[in-house]
Amino acid sequence: MPLFGIGKKQRQLACKDAGMVDCKAVFTGKSDADVLRQAGAHAEKVHNLKGSPEMTAKLTKLIKNA
């Protein structure tokens, strides 16, 4: 049984991996949903992009283990 989060896998997505090559934002969370929530808020605020089912599907494929 992991103690204090040690051994728990985190999920991660870098904005540059989604095509924003000049953006240094990286989103980390306990689940893909956590990462997608952060990335979606960032995309709207910083890049003026609106979320869509297609974008969610694309980003989900880019999420990796941290």
PDB file of N, CA and C in Angstrom:
ATOM      1  N   MET A   1       0.844  -1.181   0.000  1.00  0.00           N
ATOM      2  CA  MET A   1       0.000   0.000   0.000  1.00  0.00           C
ATOM      3  C   MET A   1       0.887   1.242   0.000  1.00  0.00           C
ATOM      4  N   PRO A   2       0.720   2.136  -0.982  1.00  0.00           N
ATOM      5  CA  PRO A   2       1.567   3.323  -1.070  1.00  0.00           C
ATOM      6  C   PRO A   2       1.327   4.285   0.102  1.00  0.00           C
ATOM      7  N   LEU A   3       2.396   4.877   0.580  1.00  0.00           N
ATOM      8  CA  LEU A   3       2.312   5.867   1.644  1.00  0.00           C
ATOM      9  C   LEU A   3       2.536   7.257   1.080  1.00  0.00           C
ATOM     10  N   PHE A   4       1.718   8.207   1.491  1.00  0.00           N
ATOM     11  CA  PHE A   4       1.884   9.612   1.116  1.00  0.00           C
ATOM     12  C   PHE A   4       2.005   9.805  -0.398  1.00  0.00           C
ATOM     13  N   GLY A   5       1.304   9.006  -1.159  1.00  0.00           N
ATOM     14  CA  GLY A   5       1.309   9.166  -2.612  1.00  0.00           C
ATOM     15  C   GLY A   5       2.481   8.527  -3.310  1.00  0.00           C
ATOM     16  N   ILE A   6       3.423   7.958  -2.550  1.00  0.00           N
ATOM     17  CA  ILE A   6       4.575   7.321  -3.173  1.00  0.00           C
ATOM     18  C   ILE A   6       4.089   6.075  -3.891  1.00  0.00           C
ATOM     19  N   GLY A   7       4.493   5.919  -5.122  1.00  0.00           N
ATOM     20  CA  GLY A   7       4.102   4.761  -5.897  1.00  0.00           C
ATOM     21  C   GLY A   7       2.830   4.960  -6.710  1.00  0.00           C
ATOM     22  N   LYS A   8       2.107   6.041  -6.466  1.00  0.00           N
ATOM     23  CA  LYS A   8       0.913   6.321  -7.260  1.00  0.00           C
ATOM     24  C   LYS A   8       1.338   6.982  -8.555  1.00  0.00           C
ATOM     25  N   LYS A   9       0.782   6.509  -9.646  1.00  0.00           N
ATOM     26  CA  LYS A   9       1.127   7.076 -10.942  1.00  0.00           C
ATOM     27  C   LYS A   9       0.343   8.355 -11.185  1.00  0.00           C
ATOM     28  N   GLN A  10       1.038   9.351 -11.620  1.00  0.00           N
ATOM     29  CA  GLN A  10       0.421  10.607 -12.023  1.00  0.00           C
ATOM     30  C   GLN A  10       0.296  10.599 -13.540  1.00  0.00           C
ATOM     31  N   ARG A  11      -0.661  11.331 -14.044  1.00  0.00           N
ATOM     32  CA  ARG A  11      -0.859  11.471 -15.482  1.00  0.00           C
ATOM     33  C   ARG A  11      -0.442  12.882 -15.874  1.00  0.00           C
ATOM     34  N   GLN A  12       0.061  13.051 -17.084  1.00  0.00           N
ATOM     35  CA  GLN A  12       0.630  14.339 -17.474  1.00  0.00           C
ATOM     36  C   GLN A  12       0.406  14.627 -18.958  1.00  0.00           C
ATOM     37  N   LEU A  13       0.219  15.911 -19.245  1.00  0.00           N
ATOM     38  CA  LEU A  13       0.080  16.395 -20.619  1.00  0.00           C
ATOM     39  C   LEU A  13       0.814  17.726 -20.723  1.00  0.00           C
ATOM     40  N   ALA A  14       1.669  17.845 -21.729  1.00  0.00           N
ATOM     41  CA  ALA A  14       2.349  19.112 -22.006  1.00  0.00           C
ATOM     42  C   ALA A  14       1.608  19.809 -23.142  1.00  0.00           C
ATOM     43  N   CYS A  15       1.366  21.080 -22.995  1.00  0.00           N
ATOM     44  CA  CYS A  15       0.644  21.848 -24.010  1.00  0.00           C
ATOM     45  C   CYS A  15       1.371  21.766 -25.354  1.00  0.00           C
ATOM     46  N   LYS A  16       2.693  21.776 -25.327  1.00  0.00           N
ATOM     47  CA  LYS A  16       3.456  21.708 -26.580  1.00  0.00           C
ATOM     48  C   LYS A  16       3.191  20.413 -27.339  1.00  0.00           C
ATOM     49  N   ASP A  17       2.882  19.325 -26.615  1.00  0.00           N
ATOM     50  CA  ASP A  17       2.563  18.054 -27.272  1.00  0.00           C
ATOM     51  C   ASP A  17       1.237  18.113 -28.011  1.00  0.00           C
ATOM     52  N   ALA A  18       0.397  19.067 -27.628  1.00  0.00           N
ATOM     53  CA  ALA A  18      -0.902  19.254 -28.276  1.00  0.00           C
ATOM     54  C   ALA A  18      -0.817  20.231 -29.444  1.00  0.00           C
ATOM     55  N   GLY A  19       0.404  20.657 -29.776  1.00  0.00           N
ATOM     56  CA  GLY A  19       0.596  21.526 -30.936  1.00  0.00           C
ATOM     57  C   GLY A  19       0.942  22.961 -30.625  1.00  0.00           C
ATOM     58  N   MET A  20       0.925  23.333 -29.359  1.00  0.00           N
ATOM     59  CA  MET A  20       1.277  24.701 -28.968  1.00  0.00           C
ATOM     60  C   MET A  20       2.767  24.725 -28.616  1.00  0.00           C
ATOM     61  N   VAL A  21       3.607  24.674 -29.637  1.00  0.00           N
ATOM     62  CA  VAL A  21       5.039  24.448 -29.446  1.00  0.00           C
ATOM     63  C   VAL A  21       5.735  25.512 -28.604  1.00  0.00           C
ATOM     64  N   ASP A  22       5.209  26.705 -28.545  1.00  0.00           N
ATOM     65  CA  ASP A  22       5.835  27.773 -27.762  1.00  0.00           C
ATOM     66  C   ASP A  22       5.313  27.848 -26.326  1.00  0.00           C
ATOM     67  N   CYS A  23       4.363  26.998 -25.980  1.00  0.00           N
ATOM     68  CA  CYS A  23       3.767  27.022 -24.647  1.00  0.00           C
ATOM     69  C   CYS A  23       4.484  26.029 -23.741  1.00  0.00           C
ATOM     70  N   LYS A  24       4.833  26.476 -22.555  1.00  0.00           N
ATOM     71  CA  LYS A  24       5.567  25.639 -21.607  1.00  0.00           C
ATOM     72  C   LYS A  24       4.673  25.029 -20.518  1.00  0.00           C
ATOM     73  N   ALA A  25       3.369  25.202 -20.645  1.00  0.00           N
ATOM     74  CA  ALA A  25       2.442  24.677 -19.634  1.00  0.00           C
ATOM     75  C   ALA A  25       2.432  23.149 -19.637  1.00  0.00           C
ATOM     76  N   VAL A  26       2.415  22.586 -18.433  1.00  0.00           N
ATOM     77  CA  VAL A  26       2.334  21.136 -18.244  1.00  0.00           C
ATOM     78  C   VAL A  26       1.272  20.877 -17.182  1.00  0.00           C
ATOM     79  N   PHE A  27       0.400  19.927 -17.442  1.00  0.00           N
ATOM     80  CA  PHE A  27      -0.711  19.611 -16.550  1.00  0.00           C
ATOM     81  C   PHE A  27      -0.509  18.212 -15.985  1.00  0.00           C
ATOM     82  N   THR A  28      -0.620  18.091 -14.676  1.00  0.00           N
ATOM     83  CA  THR A  28      -0.419  16.821 -13.999  1.00  0.00           C
ATOM     84  C   THR A  28      -1.587  16.573 -13.056  1.00  0.00           C
ATOM     85  N   GLY A  29      -2.049  15.323 -13.021  1.00  0.00           N
ATOM     86  CA  GLY A  29      -3.148  14.976 -12.141  1.00  0.00           C
ATOM     87  C   GLY A  29      -3.176  13.496 -11.833  1.00  0.00           C
ATOM     88  N   LYS A  30      -4.094  13.127 -10.965  1.00  0.00           N
ATOM     89  CA  LYS A  30      -4.240  11.730 -10.562  1.00  0.00           C
ATOM     90  C   LYS A  30      -4.923  10.894 -11.632  1.00  0.00           C
ATOM     91  N   SER A  31      -5.656  11.567 -12.529  1.00  0.00           N
ATOM     92  CA  SER A  31      -6.402  10.850 -13.564  1.00  0.00           C
ATOM     93  C   SER A  31      -6.401  11.672 -14.855  1.00  0.00           C
ATOM     94  N   ASP A  32      -6.794  11.018 -15.941  1.00  0.00           N
ATOM     95  CA  ASP A  32      -6.916  11.736 -17.207  1.00  0.00           C
ATOM     96  C   ASP A  32      -7.924  12.875 -17.079  1.00  0.00           C
ATOM     97  N   ALA A  33      -8.996  12.639 -16.329  1.00  0.00           N
ATOM     98  CA  ALA A  33     -10.024  13.675 -16.156  1.00  0.00           C
ATOM     99  C   ALA A  33      -9.449  14.910 -15.467  1.00  0.00           C
ATOM    100  N   ASP A  34      -8.585  14.706 -14.465  1.00  0.00           N
ATOM    101  CA  ASP A  34      -7.938  15.835 -13.787  1.00  0.00           C
ATOM    102  C   ASP A  34      -7.102  16.639 -14.780  1.00  0.00           C
ATOM    103  N   VAL A  35      -6.329  15.937 -15.578  1.00  0.00           N
ATOM    104  CA  VAL A  35      -5.449  16.587 -16.552  1.00  0.00           C
ATOM    105  C   VAL A  35      -6.278  17.325 -17.601  1.00  0.00           C
ATOM    106  N   LEU A  36      -7.323  16.691 -18.106  1.00  0.00           N
ATOM    107  CA  LEU A  36      -8.163  17.322 -19.118  1.00  0.00           C
ATOM    108  C   LEU A  36      -8.868  18.563 -18.594  1.00  0.00           C
ATOM    109  N   ARG A  37      -9.281  18.534 -17.341  1.00  0.00           N
ATOM    110  CA  ARG A  37      -9.931  19.704 -16.728  1.00  0.00           C
ATOM    111  C   ARG A  37      -8.967  20.894 -16.706  1.00  0.00           C
ATOM    112  N   GLN A  38      -7.732  20.645 -16.283  1.00  0.00           N
ATOM    113  CA  GLN A  38      -6.716  21.706 -16.235  1.00  0.00           C
ATOM    114  C   GLN A  38      -6.381  22.213 -17.637  1.00  0.00           C
ATOM    115  N   ALA A  39      -6.184  21.276 -18.560  1.00  0.00           N
ATOM    116  CA  ALA A  39      -5.815  21.644 -19.929  1.00  0.00           C
ATOM    117  C   ALA A  39      -6.930  22.429 -20.608  1.00  0.00           C
ATOM    118  N   GLY A  40      -8.174  22.042 -20.358  1.00  0.00           N
ATOM    119  CA  GLY A  40      -9.307  22.748 -20.956  1.00  0.00           C
ATOM    120  C   GLY A  40      -9.404  24.183 -20.477  1.00  0.00           C
ATOM    121  N   ALA A  41      -9.238  24.385 -19.178  1.00  0.00           N
ATOM    122  CA  ALA A  41      -9.278  25.745 -18.631  1.00  0.00           C
ATOM    123  C   ALA A  41      -8.141  26.580 -19.205  1.00  0.00           C
ATOM    124  N   HIS A  42      -6.965  25.985 -19.315  1.00  0.00           N
ATOM    125  CA  HIS A  42      -5.801  26.675 -19.880  1.00  0.00           C
ATOM    126  C   HIS A  42      -6.049  27.033 -21.350  1.00  0.00           C
ATOM    127  N   ALA A  43      -6.564  26.077 -22.118  1.00  0.00           N
ATOM    128  CA  ALA A  43      -6.800  26.306 -23.552  1.00  0.00           C
ATOM    129  C   ALA A  43      -7.756  27.480 -23.776  1.00  0.00           C
ATOM    130  N   GLU A  44      -8.803  27.559 -22.957  1.00  0.00           N
ATOM    131  CA  GLU A  44      -9.759  28.662 -23.099  1.00  0.00           C
ATOM    132  C   GLU A  44      -9.153  29.994 -22.690  1.00  0.00           C
ATOM    133  N   LYS A  45      -8.458  30.001 -21.547  1.00  0.00           N
ATOM    134  CA  LYS A  45      -7.935  31.256 -21.004  1.00  0.00           C
ATOM    135  C   LYS A  45      -6.731  31.782 -21.778  1.00  0.00           C
ATOM    136  N   VAL A  46      -5.784  30.922 -22.084  1.00  0.00           N
ATOM    137  CA  VAL A  46      -4.516  31.358 -22.676  1.00  0.00           C
ATOM    138  C   VAL A  46      -4.531  31.337 -24.208  1.00  0.00           C
ATOM    139  N   HIS A  47      -5.149  30.303 -24.786  1.00  0.00           N
ATOM    140  CA  HIS A  47      -5.100  30.135 -26.241  1.00  0.00           C
ATOM    141  C   HIS A  47      -6.415  30.475 -26.937  1.00  0.00           C
ATOM    142  N   ASN A  48      -7.422  30.890 -26.155  1.00  0.00           N
ATOM    143  CA  ASN A  48      -8.731  31.274 -26.692  1.00  0.00           C
ATOM    144  C   ASN A  48      -9.365  30.159 -27.529  1.00  0.00           C
ATOM    145  N   LEU A  49      -9.211  28.910 -27.053  1.00  0.00           N
ATOM    146  CA  LEU A  49      -9.788  27.754 -27.733  1.00  0.00           C
ATOM    147  C   LEU A  49     -10.948  27.211 -26.913  1.00  0.00           C
ATOM    148  N   LYS A  50     -11.966  26.756 -27.580  1.00  0.00           N
ATOM    149  CA  LYS A  50     -13.116  26.136 -26.923  1.00  0.00           C
ATOM    150  C   LYS A  50     -12.986  24.624 -27.015  1.00  0.00           C
ATOM    151  N   GLY A  51     -13.380  23.958 -25.953  1.00  0.00           N
ATOM    152  CA  GLY A  51     -13.332  22.504 -25.936  1.00  0.00           C
ATOM    153  C   GLY A  51     -14.376  21.884 -26.838  1.00  0.00           C
ATOM    154  N   SER A  52     -14.096  20.657 -27.274  1.00  0.00           N
ATOM    155  CA  SER A  52     -15.029  19.895 -28.098  1.00  0.00           C
ATOM    156  C   SER A  52     -14.753  18.414 -27.862  1.00  0.00           C
ATOM    157  N   PRO A  53     -15.686  17.560 -28.221  1.00  0.00           N
ATOM    158  CA  PRO A  53     -15.437  16.125 -28.083  1.00  0.00           C
ATOM    159  C   PRO A  53     -14.205  15.671 -28.888  1.00  0.00           C
ATOM    160  N   GLU A  54     -14.005  16.272 -30.049  1.00  0.00           N
ATOM    161  CA  GLU A  54     -12.851  15.927 -30.879  1.00  0.00           C
ATOM    162  C   GLU A  54     -11.549  16.315 -30.190  1.00  0.00           C
ATOM    163  N   MET A  55     -11.517  17.513 -29.599  1.00  0.00           N
ATOM    164  CA  MET A  55     -10.316  17.966 -28.903  1.00  0.00           C
ATOM    165  C   MET A  55     -10.048  17.078 -27.683  1.00  0.00           C
ATOM    166  N   THR A  56     -11.100  16.730 -26.959  1.00  0.00           N
ATOM    167  CA  THR A  56     -10.944  15.867 -25.794  1.00  0.00           C
ATOM    168  C   THR A  56     -10.358  14.520 -26.204  1.00  0.00           C
ATOM    169  N   ALA A  57     -10.835  13.957 -27.290  1.00  0.00           N
ATOM    170  CA  ALA A  57     -10.331  12.665 -27.771  1.00  0.00           C
ATOM    171  C   ALA A  57      -8.858  12.768 -28.161  1.00  0.00           C
ATOM    172  N   LYS A  58      -8.496  13.847 -28.836  1.00  0.00           N
ATOM    173  CA  LYS A  58      -7.100  14.043 -29.247  1.00  0.00           C
ATOM    174  C   LYS A  58      -6.185  14.186 -28.032  1.00  0.00           C
ATOM    175  N   LEU A  59      -6.604  15.022 -27.076  1.00  0.00           N
ATOM    176  CA  LEU A  59      -5.772  15.252 -25.893  1.00  0.00           C
ATOM    177  C   LEU A  59      -5.651  14.011 -25.021  1.00  0.00           C
ATOM    178  N   THR A  60      -6.737  13.243 -24.924  1.00  0.00           N
ATOM    179  CA  THR A  60      -6.694  12.015 -24.120  1.00  0.00           C
ATOM    180  C   THR A  60      -5.614  11.067 -24.615  1.00  0.00           C
ATOM    181  N   LYS A  61      -5.439  10.987 -25.927  1.00  0.00           N
ATOM    182  CA  LYS A  61      -4.412  10.124 -26.516  1.00  0.00           C
ATOM    183  C   LYS A  61      -2.993  10.614 -26.218  1.00  0.00           C
ATOM    184  N   LEU A  62      -2.844  11.893 -25.900  1.00  0.00           N
ATOM    185  CA  LEU A  62      -1.524  12.482 -25.651  1.00  0.00           C
ATOM    186  C   LEU A  62      -1.107  12.418 -24.186  1.00  0.00           C
ATOM    187  N   ILE A  63      -2.023  12.083 -23.292  1.00  0.00           N
ATOM    188  CA  ILE A  63      -1.712  12.031 -21.870  1.00  0.00           C
ATOM    189  C   ILE A  63      -0.831  10.820 -21.582  1.00  0.00           C
ATOM    190  N   LYS A  64       0.230  11.059 -20.788  1.00  0.00           N
ATOM    191  CA  LYS A  64       1.213  10.016 -20.477  1.00  0.00           C
ATOM    192  C   LYS A  64       1.333   9.864 -18.967  1.00  0.00           C
ATOM    193  N   ASN A  65       1.990   8.789 -18.557  1.00  0.00           N
ATOM    194  CA  ASN A  65       2.358   8.652 -17.151  1.00  0.00           C
ATOM    195  C   ASN A  65       3.473   9.635 -16.856  1.00  0.00           C
ATOM    196  N   ALA A  66       3.371  10.323 -15.725  1.00  0.00           N
ATOM    197  CA  ALA A  66       4.380  11.306 -15.345  1.00  0.00           C
ATOM    198  C   ALA A  66       5.594  10.618 -14.756  1.00  0.00           C
TER     199      ALA A  66
END
